[in-house]
Amino acid sequence: MTEDLKKQIDDKQDEYRFIKVTDNPVQGLSDQQKVALNRKANALFNEGKFEMAERIFITTGYSDGLTRVGDKYAEKNLYFKALKLYMLAHNKRKSEPLIEKISQTVSVMLKNN
């Protein structure tokens, strides 16, 4: 049942927009600009300003930064926010277990209704 629910969520992602993601970092940034922005985002991350860092990492498409912010959200049980960032980072190792966890939770909720 859980695997079936996971497949249904994956299949309906575009139709229902469970999690809004984009694979398109801002175009036109030079490598130097990306490096400077990622350094700024890393500094913000280290200061605990995760949402500000997240915005920059999304802008630059920096997958390691997206994953690290996603990890912070997961630690705070903000699973959908974490999943969004893992998906943007194309990090299946982190996103697939989270999808499984969310689908199990939804499955239990549906059984109890």
PDB file of N, CA and C in Angstrom:
ATOM      1  N   MET A   1       0.824  -1.199   0.000  1.00  0.00           N
ATOM      2  CA  MET A   1       0.000   0.000   0.000  1.00  0.00           C
ATOM      3  C   MET A   1       0.861   1.253   0.000  1.00  0.00           C
ATOM      4  N   THR A   2       1.916   1.275   0.795  1.00  0.00           N
ATOM      5  CA  THR A   2       2.759   2.463   0.900  1.00  0.00           C
ATOM      6  C   THR A   2       3.436   2.760  -0.434  1.00  0.00           C
ATOM      7  N   GLU A   3       3.947   1.742  -1.096  1.00  0.00           N
ATOM      8  CA  GLU A   3       4.604   1.944  -2.385  1.00  0.00           C
ATOM      9  C   GLU A   3       3.606   2.463  -3.416  1.00  0.00           C
ATOM     10  N   ASP A   4       2.371   1.954  -3.362  1.00  0.00           N
ATOM     11  CA  ASP A   4       1.330   2.423  -4.270  1.00  0.00           C
ATOM     12  C   ASP A   4       1.021   3.902  -4.028  1.00  0.00           C
ATOM     13  N   LEU A   5       0.930   4.311  -2.772  1.00  0.00           N
ATOM     14  CA  LEU A   5       0.663   5.703  -2.435  1.00  0.00           C
ATOM     15  C   LEU A   5       1.815   6.592  -2.901  1.00  0.00           C
ATOM     16  N   LYS A   6       3.034   6.125  -2.711  1.00  0.00           N
ATOM     17  CA  LYS A   6       4.200   6.879  -3.164  1.00  0.00           C
ATOM     18  C   LYS A   6       4.133   7.094  -4.673  1.00  0.00           C
ATOM     19  N   LYS A   7       3.777   6.058  -5.418  1.00  0.00           N
ATOM     20  CA  LYS A   7       3.669   6.169  -6.874  1.00  0.00           C
ATOM     21  C   LYS A   7       2.566   7.145  -7.252  1.00  0.00           C
ATOM     22  N   GLN A   8       1.440   7.102  -6.559  1.00  0.00           N
ATOM     23  CA  GLN A   8       0.338   8.017  -6.857  1.00  0.00           C
ATOM     24  C   GLN A   8       0.772   9.468  -6.622  1.00  0.00           C
ATOM     25  N   ILE A   9       1.483   9.718  -5.542  1.00  0.00           N
ATOM     26  CA  ILE A   9       1.958  11.076  -5.262  1.00  0.00           C
ATOM     27  C   ILE A   9       2.922  11.523  -6.355  1.00  0.00           C
ATOM     28  N   ASP A  10       3.853  10.644  -6.720  1.00  0.00           N
ATOM     29  CA  ASP A  10       4.798  10.983  -7.786  1.00  0.00           C
ATOM     30  C   ASP A  10       4.070  11.266  -9.097  1.00  0.00           C
ATOM     31  N   ASP A  11       3.077  10.423  -9.430  1.00  0.00           N
ATOM     32  CA  ASP A  11       2.345  10.574 -10.681  1.00  0.00           C
ATOM     33  C   ASP A  11       1.512  11.849 -10.716  1.00  0.00           C
ATOM     34  N   LYS A  12       0.994  12.261  -9.577  1.00  0.00           N
ATOM     35  CA  LYS A  12       0.103  13.419  -9.521  1.00  0.00           C
ATOM     36  C   LYS A  12       0.818  14.710  -9.152  1.00  0.00           C
ATOM     37  N   GLN A  13       2.135  14.648  -8.951  1.00  0.00           N
ATOM     38  CA  GLN A  13       2.894  15.824  -8.507  1.00  0.00           C
ATOM     39  C   GLN A  13       2.608  17.037  -9.385  1.00  0.00           C
ATOM     40  N   ASP A  14       2.711  16.886 -10.697  1.00  0.00           N
ATOM     41  CA  ASP A  14       2.510  18.034 -11.579  1.00  0.00           C
ATOM     42  C   ASP A  14       1.071  18.520 -11.555  1.00  0.00           C
ATOM     43  N   GLU A  15       0.134  17.597 -11.441  1.00  0.00           N
ATOM     44  CA  GLU A  15      -1.280  17.965 -11.466  1.00  0.00           C
ATOM     45  C   GLU A  15      -1.713  18.697 -10.205  1.00  0.00           C
ATOM     46  N   TYR A  16      -1.291  18.222  -9.035  1.00  0.00           N
ATOM     47  CA  TYR A  16      -1.763  18.784  -7.779  1.00  0.00           C
ATOM     48  C   TYR A  16      -0.791  19.736  -7.116  1.00  0.00           C
ATOM     49  N   ARG A  17       0.455  19.765  -7.563  1.00  0.00           N
ATOM     50  CA  ARG A  17       1.447  20.674  -7.010  1.00  0.00           C
ATOM     51  C   ARG A  17       1.609  20.511  -5.503  1.00  0.00           C
ATOM     52  N   PHE A  18       1.859  19.272  -5.064  1.00  0.00           N
ATOM     53  CA  PHE A  18       2.116  19.036  -3.652  1.00  0.00           C
ATOM     54  C   PHE A  18       3.300  19.873  -3.187  1.00  0.00           C
ATOM     55  N   ILE A  19       4.338  19.875  -4.007  1.00  0.00           N
ATOM     56  CA  ILE A  19       5.558  20.603  -3.676  1.00  0.00           C
ATOM     57  C   ILE A  19       5.990  21.338  -4.935  1.00  0.00           C
ATOM     58  N   LYS A  20       6.104  22.634  -4.834  1.00  0.00           N
ATOM     59  CA  LYS A  20       6.518  23.426  -5.985  1.00  0.00           C
ATOM     60  C   LYS A  20       8.035  23.388  -6.077  1.00  0.00           C
ATOM     61  N   VAL A  21       8.533  22.918  -7.197  1.00  0.00           N
ATOM     62  CA  VAL A  21       9.972  22.855  -7.416  1.00  0.00           C
ATOM     63  C   VAL A  21      10.296  23.422  -8.787  1.00  0.00           C
ATOM     64  N   THR A  22      11.516  23.824  -8.949  1.00  0.00           N
ATOM     65  CA  THR A  22      11.998  24.276 -10.244  1.00  0.00           C
ATOM     66  C   THR A  22      13.429  23.797 -10.417  1.00  0.00           C
ATOM     67  N   ASP A  23      13.766  23.444 -11.620  1.00  0.00           N
ATOM     68  CA  ASP A  23      15.129  23.013 -11.913  1.00  0.00           C
ATOM     69  C   ASP A  23      15.935  24.132 -12.542  1.00  0.00           C
ATOM     70  N   ASN A  24      15.380  25.326 -12.576  1.00  0.00           N
ATOM     71  CA  ASN A  24      16.017  26.401 -13.303  1.00  0.00           C
ATOM     72  C   ASN A  24      16.569  27.474 -12.377  1.00  0.00           C
ATOM     73  N   PRO A  25      17.842  27.344 -11.988  1.00  0.00           N
ATOM     74  CA  PRO A  25      18.441  28.458 -11.254  1.00  0.00           C
ATOM     75  C   PRO A  25      18.460  29.683 -12.161  1.00  0.00           C
ATOM     76  N   VAL A  26      18.664  30.836 -11.577  1.00  0.00           N
ATOM     77  CA  VAL A  26      18.682  32.072 -12.355  1.00  0.00           C
ATOM     78  C   VAL A  26      19.747  31.964 -13.439  1.00  0.00           C
ATOM     79  N   GLN A  27      19.345  32.246 -14.655  1.00  0.00           N
ATOM     80  CA  GLN A  27      20.274  32.213 -15.778  1.00  0.00           C
ATOM     81  C   GLN A  27      21.019  33.542 -15.839  1.00  0.00           C
ATOM     82  N   GLY A  28      22.176  33.516 -16.407  1.00  0.00           N
ATOM     83  CA  GLY A  28      22.913  34.746 -16.607  1.00  0.00           C
ATOM     84  C   GLY A  28      23.879  35.080 -15.485  1.00  0.00           C
ATOM     85  N   LEU A  29      23.912  34.262 -14.440  1.00  0.00           N
ATOM     86  CA  LEU A  29      24.894  34.490 -13.379  1.00  0.00           C
ATOM     87  C   LEU A  29      26.230  33.906 -13.831  1.00  0.00           C
ATOM     88  N   SER A  30      27.271  34.685 -13.676  1.00  0.00           N
ATOM     89  CA  SER A  30      28.603  34.164 -14.000  1.00  0.00           C
ATOM     90  C   SER A  30      29.033  33.210 -12.886  1.00  0.00           C
ATOM     91  N   ASP A  31      30.054  32.425 -13.179  1.00  0.00           N
ATOM     92  CA  ASP A  31      30.589  31.527 -12.162  1.00  0.00           C
ATOM     93  C   ASP A  31      31.067  32.311 -10.944  1.00  0.00           C
ATOM     94  N   GLN A  32      31.669  33.452 -11.173  1.00  0.00           N
ATOM     95  CA  GLN A  32      32.150  34.285 -10.063  1.00  0.00           C
ATOM     96  C   GLN A  32      30.982  34.785  -9.207  1.00  0.00           C
ATOM     97  N   GLN A  33      29.885  35.166  -9.857  1.00  0.00           N
ATOM     98  CA  GLN A  33      28.709  35.623  -9.117  1.00  0.00           C
ATOM     99  C   GLN A  33      28.116  34.487  -8.280  1.00  0.00           C
ATOM    100  N   LYS A  34      28.057  33.297  -8.874  1.00  0.00           N
ATOM    101  CA  LYS A  34      27.535  32.138  -8.143  1.00  0.00           C
ATOM    102  C   LYS A  34      28.400  31.830  -6.923  1.00  0.00           C
ATOM    103  N   VAL A  35      29.714  31.861  -7.112  1.00  0.00           N
ATOM    104  CA  VAL A  35      30.632  31.597  -5.996  1.00  0.00           C
ATOM    105  C   VAL A  35      30.418  32.619  -4.887  1.00  0.00           C
ATOM    106  N   ALA A  36      30.320  33.892  -5.246  1.00  0.00           N
ATOM    107  CA  ALA A  36      30.129  34.944  -4.246  1.00  0.00           C
ATOM    108  C   ALA A  36      28.797  34.772  -3.518  1.00  0.00           C
ATOM    109  N   LEU A  37      27.745  34.470  -4.274  1.00  0.00           N
ATOM    110  CA  LEU A  37      26.432  34.265  -3.655  1.00  0.00           C
ATOM    111  C   LEU A  37      26.429  33.041  -2.743  1.00  0.00           C
ATOM    112  N   ASN A  38      27.075  31.961  -3.193  1.00  0.00           N
ATOM    113  CA  ASN A  38      27.124  30.753  -2.363  1.00  0.00           C
ATOM    114  C   ASN A  38      27.930  30.975  -1.086  1.00  0.00           C
ATOM    115  N   ARG A  39      28.968  31.768  -1.170  1.00  0.00           N
ATOM    116  CA  ARG A  39      29.735  32.103   0.043  1.00  0.00           C
ATOM    117  C   ARG A  39      28.865  32.888   1.016  1.00  0.00           C
ATOM    118  N   LYS A  40      28.105  33.844   0.493  1.00  0.00           N
ATOM    119  CA  LYS A  40      27.199  34.630   1.329  1.00  0.00           C
ATOM    120  C   LYS A  40      26.146  33.707   1.963  1.00  0.00           C
ATOM    121  N   ALA A  41      25.597  32.804   1.164  1.00  0.00           N
ATOM    122  CA  ALA A  41      24.589  31.872   1.680  1.00  0.00           C
ATOM    123  C   ALA A  41      25.182  30.949   2.735  1.00  0.00           C
ATOM    124  N   ASN A  42      26.412  30.510   2.537  1.00  0.00           N
ATOM    125  CA  ASN A  42      27.063  29.665   3.543  1.00  0.00           C
ATOM    126  C   ASN A  42      27.247  30.423   4.850  1.00  0.00           C
ATOM    127  N   ALA A  43      27.613  31.696   4.750  1.00  0.00           N
ATOM    128  CA  ALA A  43      27.753  32.517   5.956  1.00  0.00           C
ATOM    129  C   ALA A  43      26.406  32.664   6.656  1.00  0.00           C
ATOM    130  N   LEU A  44      25.354  32.910   5.892  1.00  0.00           N
ATOM    131  CA  LEU A  44      24.007  33.017   6.473  1.00  0.00           C
ATOM    132  C   LEU A  44      23.595  31.701   7.128  1.00  0.00           C
ATOM    133  N   PHE A  45      23.886  30.601   6.455  1.00  0.00           N
ATOM    134  CA  PHE A  45      23.572  29.279   7.000  1.00  0.00           C
ATOM    135  C   PHE A  45      24.269  29.085   8.338  1.00  0.00           C
ATOM    136  N   ASN A  46      25.550  29.428   8.396  1.00  0.00           N
ATOM    137  CA  ASN A  46      26.322  29.275   9.630  1.00  0.00           C
ATOM    138  C   ASN A  46      25.826  30.178  10.749  1.00  0.00           C
ATOM    139  N   GLU A  47      25.168  31.273  10.391  1.00  0.00           N
ATOM    140  CA  GLU A  47      24.571  32.175  11.373  1.00  0.00           C
ATOM    141  C   GLU A  47      23.172  31.716  11.796  1.00  0.00           C
ATOM    142  N   GLY A  48      22.703  30.615  11.199  1.00  0.00           N
ATOM    143  CA  GLY A  48      21.372  30.104  11.515  1.00  0.00           C
ATOM    144  C   GLY A  48      20.253  30.766  10.734  1.00  0.00           C
ATOM    145  N   LYS A  49      20.603  31.523   9.720  1.00  0.00           N
ATOM    146  CA  LYS A  49      19.595  32.202   8.879  1.00  0.00           C
ATOM    147  C   LYS A  49      19.291  31.313   7.669  1.00  0.00           C
ATOM    148  N   PHE A  50      18.607  30.209   7.961  1.00  0.00           N
ATOM    149  CA  PHE A  50      18.403  29.160   6.960  1.00  0.00           C
ATOM    150  C   PHE A  50      17.518  29.586   5.798  1.00  0.00           C
ATOM    151  N   GLU A  51      16.452  30.332   6.074  1.00  0.00           N
ATOM    152  CA  GLU A  51      15.559  30.740   4.991  1.00  0.00           C
ATOM    153  C   GLU A  51      16.246  31.706   4.027  1.00  0.00           C
ATOM    154  N   MET A  52      17.069  32.588   4.552  1.00  0.00           N
ATOM    155  CA  MET A  52      17.809  33.503   3.678  1.00  0.00           C
ATOM    156  C   MET A  52      18.818  32.725   2.832  1.00  0.00           C
ATOM    157  N   ALA A  53      19.500  31.780   3.457  1.00  0.00           N
ATOM    158  CA  ALA A  53      20.451  30.942   2.729  1.00  0.00           C
ATOM    159  C   ALA A  53      19.731  30.125   1.666  1.00  0.00           C
ATOM    160  N   GLU A  54      18.564  29.604   2.039  1.00  0.00           N
ATOM    161  CA  GLU A  54      17.769  28.804   1.097  1.00  0.00           C
ATOM    162  C   GLU A  54      17.473  29.589  -0.175  1.00  0.00           C
ATOM    163  N   ARG A  55      17.043  30.825  -0.035  1.00  0.00           N
ATOM    164  CA  ARG A  55      16.703  31.633  -1.213  1.00  0.00           C
ATOM    165  C   ARG A  55      17.900  31.791  -2.143  1.00  0.00           C
ATOM    166  N   ILE A  56      19.055  31.989  -1.571  1.00  0.00           N
ATOM    167  CA  ILE A  56      20.252  32.150  -2.404  1.00  0.00           C
ATOM    168  C   ILE A  56      20.615  30.821  -3.064  1.00  0.00           C
ATOM    169  N   PHE A  57      20.574  29.733  -2.296  1.00  0.00           N
ATOM    170  CA  PHE A  57      20.911  28.425  -2.871  1.00  0.00           C
ATOM    171  C   PHE A  57      19.946  28.043  -3.996  1.00  0.00           C
ATOM    172  N   ILE A  58      18.681  28.406  -3.863  1.00  0.00           N
ATOM    173  CA  ILE A  58      17.725  28.149  -4.945  1.00  0.00           C
ATOM    174  C   ILE A  58      18.103  28.986  -6.163  1.00  0.00           C
ATOM    175  N   THR A  59      18.472  30.230  -5.923  1.00  0.00           N
ATOM    176  CA  THR A  59      18.854  31.123  -7.016  1.00  0.00           C
ATOM    177  C   THR A  59      20.047  30.588  -7.786  1.00  0.00           C
ATOM    178  N   THR A  60      21.032  30.076  -7.065  1.00  0.00           N
ATOM    179  CA  THR A  60      22.259  29.593  -7.720  1.00  0.00           C
ATOM    180  C   THR A  60      22.168  28.127  -8.130  1.00  0.00           C
ATOM    181  N   GLY A  61      21.196  27.405  -7.577  1.00  0.00           N
ATOM    182  CA  GLY A  61      21.076  25.978  -7.886  1.00  0.00           C
ATOM    183  C   GLY A  61      22.132  25.133  -7.205  1.00  0.00           C
ATOM    184  N   TYR A  62      22.658  25.595  -6.086  1.00  0.00           N
ATOM    185  CA  TYR A  62      23.740  24.899  -5.381  1.00  0.00           C
ATOM    186  C   TYR A  62      23.169  23.726  -4.577  1.00  0.00           C
ATOM    187  N   SER A  63      23.354  22.528  -5.093  1.00  0.00           N
ATOM    188  CA  SER A  63      22.693  21.347  -4.527  1.00  0.00           C
ATOM    189  C   SER A  63      23.177  21.007  -3.118  1.00  0.00           C
ATOM    190  N   ASP A  64      24.459  21.180  -2.837  1.00  0.00           N
ATOM    191  CA  ASP A  64      24.955  20.878  -1.494  1.00  0.00           C
ATOM    192  C   ASP A  64      24.312  21.809  -0.468  1.00  0.00           C
ATOM    193  N   GLY A  65      24.213  23.074  -0.809  1.00  0.00           N
ATOM    194  CA  GLY A  65      23.576  24.031   0.091  1.00  0.00           C
ATOM    195  C   GLY A  65      22.098  23.712   0.295  1.00  0.00           C
ATOM    196  N   LEU A  66      21.415  23.363  -0.789  1.00  0.00           N
ATOM    197  CA  LEU A  66      20.004  22.992  -0.686  1.00  0.00           C
ATOM    198  C   LEU A  66      19.820  21.786   0.228  1.00  0.00           C
ATOM    199  N   THR A  67      20.700  20.821   0.098  1.00  0.00           N
ATOM    200  CA  THR A  67      20.619  19.621   0.927  1.00  0.00           C
ATOM    201  C   THR A  67      20.864  19.956   2.394  1.00  0.00           C
ATOM    202  N   ARG A  68      21.846  20.800   2.669  1.00  0.00           N
ATOM    203  CA  ARG A  68      22.138  21.155   4.066  1.00  0.00           C
ATOM    204  C   ARG A  68      20.978  21.910   4.711  1.00  0.00           C
ATOM    205  N   VAL A  69      20.352  22.818   3.966  1.00  0.00           N
ATOM    206  CA  VAL A  69      19.183  23.518   4.510  1.00  0.00           C
ATOM    207  C   VAL A  69      18.041  22.523   4.692  1.00  0.00           C
ATOM    208  N   GLY A  70      17.870  21.621   3.733  1.00  0.00           N
ATOM    209  CA  GLY A  70      16.850  20.576   3.861  1.00  0.00           C
ATOM    210  C   GLY A  70      17.065  19.735   5.110  1.00  0.00           C
ATOM    211  N   ASP A  71      18.312  19.422   5.412  1.00  0.00           N
ATOM    212  CA  ASP A  71      18.622  18.659   6.627  1.00  0.00           C
ATOM    213  C   ASP A  71      18.186  19.416   7.880  1.00  0.00           C
ATOM    214  N   LYS A  72      18.399  20.730   7.890  1.00  0.00           N
ATOM    215  CA  LYS A  72      17.972  21.540   9.046  1.00  0.00           C
ATOM    216  C   LYS A  72      16.455  21.507   9.194  1.00  0.00           C
ATOM    217  N   TYR A  73      15.734  21.593   8.069  1.00  0.00           N
ATOM    218  CA  TYR A  73      14.275  21.525   8.132  1.00  0.00           C
ATOM    219  C   TYR A  73      13.824  20.148   8.618  1.00  0.00           C
ATOM    220  N   ALA A  74      14.472  19.103   8.141  1.00  0.00           N
ATOM    221  CA  ALA A  74      14.108  17.753   8.563  1.00  0.00           C
ATOM    222  C   ALA A  74      14.333  17.571  10.061  1.00  0.00           C
ATOM    223  N   GLU A  75      15.419  18.145  10.592  1.00  0.00           N
ATOM    224  CA  GLU A  75      15.683  18.079  12.032  1.00  0.00           C
ATOM    225  C   GLU A  75      14.559  18.732  12.838  1.00  0.00           C
ATOM    226  N   LYS A  76      13.917  19.731  12.236  1.00  0.00           N
ATOM    227  CA  LYS A  76      12.822  20.444  12.907  1.00  0.00           C
ATOM    228  C   LYS A  76      11.451  19.853  12.548  1.00  0.00           C
ATOM    229  N   ASN A  77      11.457  18.677  11.921  1.00  0.00           N
ATOM    230  CA  ASN A  77      10.238  17.983  11.495  1.00  0.00           C
ATOM    231  C   ASN A  77       9.432  18.772  10.478  1.00  0.00           C
ATOM    232  N   LEU A  78      10.087  19.611   9.713  1.00  0.00           N
ATOM    233  CA  LEU A  78       9.453  20.353   8.624  1.00  0.00           C
ATOM    234  C   LEU A  78       9.696  19.564   7.333  1.00  0.00           C
ATOM    235  N   TYR A  79       9.014  18.417   7.252  1.00  0.00           N
ATOM    236  CA  TYR A  79       9.334  17.440   6.216  1.00  0.00           C
ATOM    237  C   TYR A  79       9.022  17.907   4.800  1.00  0.00           C
ATOM    238  N   PHE A  80       7.943  18.632   4.595  1.00  0.00           N
ATOM    239  CA  PHE A  80       7.631  19.080   3.246  1.00  0.00           C
ATOM    240  C   PHE A  80       8.630  20.127   2.764  1.00  0.00           C
ATOM    241  N   LYS A  81       9.058  21.013   3.652  1.00  0.00           N
ATOM    242  CA  LYS A  81      10.081  21.994   3.283  1.00  0.00           C
ATOM    243  C   LYS A  81      11.391  21.285   2.958  1.00  0.00           C
ATOM    244  N   ALA A  82      11.732  20.293   3.770  1.00  0.00           N
ATOM    245  CA  ALA A  82      12.953  19.532   3.523  1.00  0.00           C
ATOM    246  C   ALA A  82      12.861  18.795   2.191  1.00  0.00           C
ATOM    247  N   LEU A  83      11.719  18.167   1.953  1.00  0.00           N
ATOM    248  CA  LEU A  83      11.541  17.402   0.716  1.00  0.00           C
ATOM    249  C   LEU A  83      11.668  18.296  -0.506  1.00  0.00           C
ATOM    250  N   LYS A  84      11.107  19.484  -0.449  1.00  0.00           N
ATOM    251  CA  LYS A  84      11.216  20.418  -1.568  1.00  0.00           C
ATOM    252  C   LYS A  84      12.686  20.675  -1.908  1.00  0.00           C
ATOM    253  N   LEU A  85      13.490  20.929  -0.887  1.00  0.00           N
ATOM    254  CA  LEU A  85      14.899  21.240  -1.138  1.00  0.00           C
ATOM    255  C   LEU A  85      15.671  20.018  -1.621  1.00  0.00           C
ATOM    256  N   TYR A  86      15.361  18.856  -1.065  1.00  0.00           N
ATOM    257  CA  TYR A  86      16.020  17.635  -1.546  1.00  0.00           C
ATOM    258  C   TYR A  86      15.689  17.385  -3.015  1.00  0.00           C
ATOM    259  N   MET A  87      14.437  17.656  -3.381  1.00  0.00           N
ATOM    260  CA  MET A  87      14.052  17.448  -4.779  1.00  0.00           C
ATOM    261  C   MET A  87      14.744  18.465  -5.692  1.00  0.00           C
ATOM    262  N   LEU A  88      14.842  19.703  -5.244  1.00  0.00           N
ATOM    263  CA  LEU A  88      15.566  20.707  -6.036  1.00  0.00           C
ATOM    264  C   LEU A  88      17.031  20.329  -6.198  1.00  0.00           C
ATOM    265  N   ALA A  89      17.591  19.699  -5.169  1.00  0.00           N
ATOM    266  CA  ALA A  89      18.999  19.293  -5.199  1.00  0.00           C
ATOM    267  C   ALA A  89      19.198  17.974  -5.948  1.00  0.00           C
ATOM    268  N   HIS A  90      18.096  17.366  -6.382  1.00  0.00           N
ATOM    269  CA  HIS A  90      18.151  16.050  -7.042  1.00  0.00           C
ATOM    270  C   HIS A  90      18.817  15.018  -6.136  1.00  0.00           C
ATOM    271  N   ASN A  91      18.509  15.093  -4.852  1.00  0.00           N
ATOM    272  CA  ASN A  91      19.124  14.212  -3.866  1.00  0.00           C
ATOM    273  C   ASN A  91      18.138  13.090  -3.518  1.00  0.00           C
ATOM    274  N   LYS A  92      18.173  12.034  -4.306  1.00  0.00           N
ATOM    275  CA  LYS A  92      17.255  10.907  -4.094  1.00  0.00           C
ATOM    276  C   LYS A  92      17.561  10.169  -2.799  1.00  0.00           C
ATOM    277  N   ARG A  93      18.818  10.148  -2.403  1.00  0.00           N
ATOM    278  CA  ARG A  93      19.187   9.455  -1.167  1.00  0.00           C
ATOM    279  C   ARG A  93      18.457  10.063   0.028  1.00  0.00           C
ATOM    280  N   LYS A  94      18.211  11.372  -0.014  1.00  0.00           N
ATOM    281  CA  LYS A  94      17.500  12.047   1.078  1.00  0.00           C
ATOM    282  C   LYS A  94      15.998  12.126   0.815  1.00  0.00           C
ATOM    283  N   SER A  95      15.592  12.332  -0.433  1.00  0.00           N
ATOM    284  CA  SER A  95      14.168  12.536  -0.721  1.00  0.00           C
ATOM    285  C   SER A  95      13.360  11.246  -0.659  1.00  0.00           C
ATOM    286  N   GLU A  96      13.904  10.138  -1.132  1.00  0.00           N
ATOM    287  CA  GLU A  96      13.110   8.904  -1.171  1.00  0.00           C
ATOM    288  C   GLU A  96      12.695   8.407   0.213  1.00  0.00           C
ATOM    289  N   PRO A  97      13.586   8.390   1.213  1.00  0.00           N
ATOM    290  CA  PRO A  97      13.127   7.972   2.548  1.00  0.00           C
ATOM    291  C   PRO A  97      12.087   8.933   3.134  1.00  0.00           C
ATOM    292  N   LEU A  98      12.206  10.191   2.807  1.00  0.00           N
ATOM    293  CA  LEU A  98      11.247  11.170   3.306  1.00  0.00           C
ATOM    294  C   LEU A  98       9.886  10.983   2.638  1.00  0.00           C
ATOM    295  N   ILE A  99       9.890  10.700   1.349  1.00  0.00           N
ATOM    296  CA  ILE A  99       8.637  10.393   0.644  1.00  0.00           C
ATOM    297  C   ILE A  99       7.992   9.165   1.266  1.00  0.00           C
ATOM    298  N   GLU A 100       8.800   8.177   1.567  1.00  0.00           N
ATOM    299  CA  GLU A 100       8.294   6.953   2.203  1.00  0.00           C
ATOM    300  C   GLU A 100       7.659   7.278   3.555  1.00  0.00           C
ATOM    301  N   LYS A 101       8.329   8.082   4.350  1.00  0.00           N
ATOM    302  CA  LYS A 101       7.828   8.453   5.678  1.00  0.00           C
ATOM    303  C   LYS A 101       6.509   9.221   5.561  1.00  0.00           C
ATOM    304  N   ILE A 102       6.454  10.171   4.649  1.00  0.00           N
ATOM    305  CA  ILE A 102       5.239  10.961   4.460  1.00  0.00           C
ATOM    306  C   ILE A 102       4.108  10.076   3.957  1.00  0.00           C
ATOM    307  N   SER A 103       4.408   9.188   3.033  1.00  0.00           N
ATOM    308  CA  SER A 103       3.352   8.322   2.490  1.00  0.00           C
ATOM    309  C   SER A 103       2.824   7.361   3.550  1.00  0.00           C
ATOM    310  N   GLN A 104       3.687   6.888   4.439  1.00  0.00           N
ATOM    311  CA  GLN A 104       3.221   6.029   5.535  1.00  0.00           C
ATOM    312  C   GLN A 104       2.299   6.808   6.471  1.00  0.00           C
ATOM    313  N   THR A 105       2.648   8.043   6.743  1.00  0.00           N
ATOM    314  CA  THR A 105       1.820   8.886   7.609  1.00  0.00           C
ATOM    315  C   THR A 105       0.457   9.122   6.979  1.00  0.00           C
ATOM    316  N   VAL A 106       0.441   9.448   5.700  1.00  0.00           N
ATOM    317  CA  VAL A 106      -0.826   9.669   5.003  1.00  0.00           C
ATOM    318  C   VAL A 106      -1.649   8.389   4.984  1.00  0.00           C
ATOM    319  N   SER A 107      -0.999   7.259   4.764  1.00  0.00           N
ATOM    320  CA  SER A 107      -1.691   5.976   4.744  1.00  0.00           C
ATOM    321  C   SER A 107      -2.366   5.685   6.077  1.00  0.00           C
ATOM    322  N   VAL A 108      -1.660   5.935   7.181  1.00  0.00           N
ATOM    323  CA  VAL A 108      -2.228   5.729   8.516  1.00  0.00           C
ATOM    324  C   VAL A 108      -3.411   6.667   8.735  1.00  0.00           C
ATOM    325  N   MET A 109      -3.254   7.906   8.302  1.00  0.00           N
ATOM    326  CA  MET A 109      -4.344   8.871   8.462  1.00  0.00           C
ATOM    327  C   MET A 109      -5.582   8.444   7.682  1.00  0.00           C
ATOM    328  N   LEU A 110      -5.392   7.927   6.498  1.00  0.00           N
ATOM    329  CA  LEU A 110      -6.525   7.491   5.682  1.00  0.00           C
ATOM    330  C   LEU A 110      -7.218   6.272   6.279  1.00  0.00           C
ATOM    331  N   LYS A 111      -6.448   5.391   6.883  1.00  0.00           N
ATOM    332  CA  LYS A 111      -7.021   4.203   7.499  1.00  0.00           C
ATOM    333  C   LYS A 111      -7.849   4.554   8.735  1.00  0.00           C
ATOM    334  N   ASN A 112      -7.441   5.623   9.425  1.00  0.00           N
ATOM    335  CA  ASN A 112      -8.136   6.024  10.653  1.00  0.00           C
ATOM    336  C   ASN A 112      -9.410   6.824  10.388  1.00  0.00           C
ATOM    337  N   ASN A 113      -9.659   7.184   9.152  1.00  0.00           N
ATOM    338  CA  ASN A 113     -10.865   7.970   8.838  1.00  0.00           C
ATOM    339  C   ASN A 113     -11.969   7.130   8.330  1.00  0.00           C
TER     340      ASN A 113
END
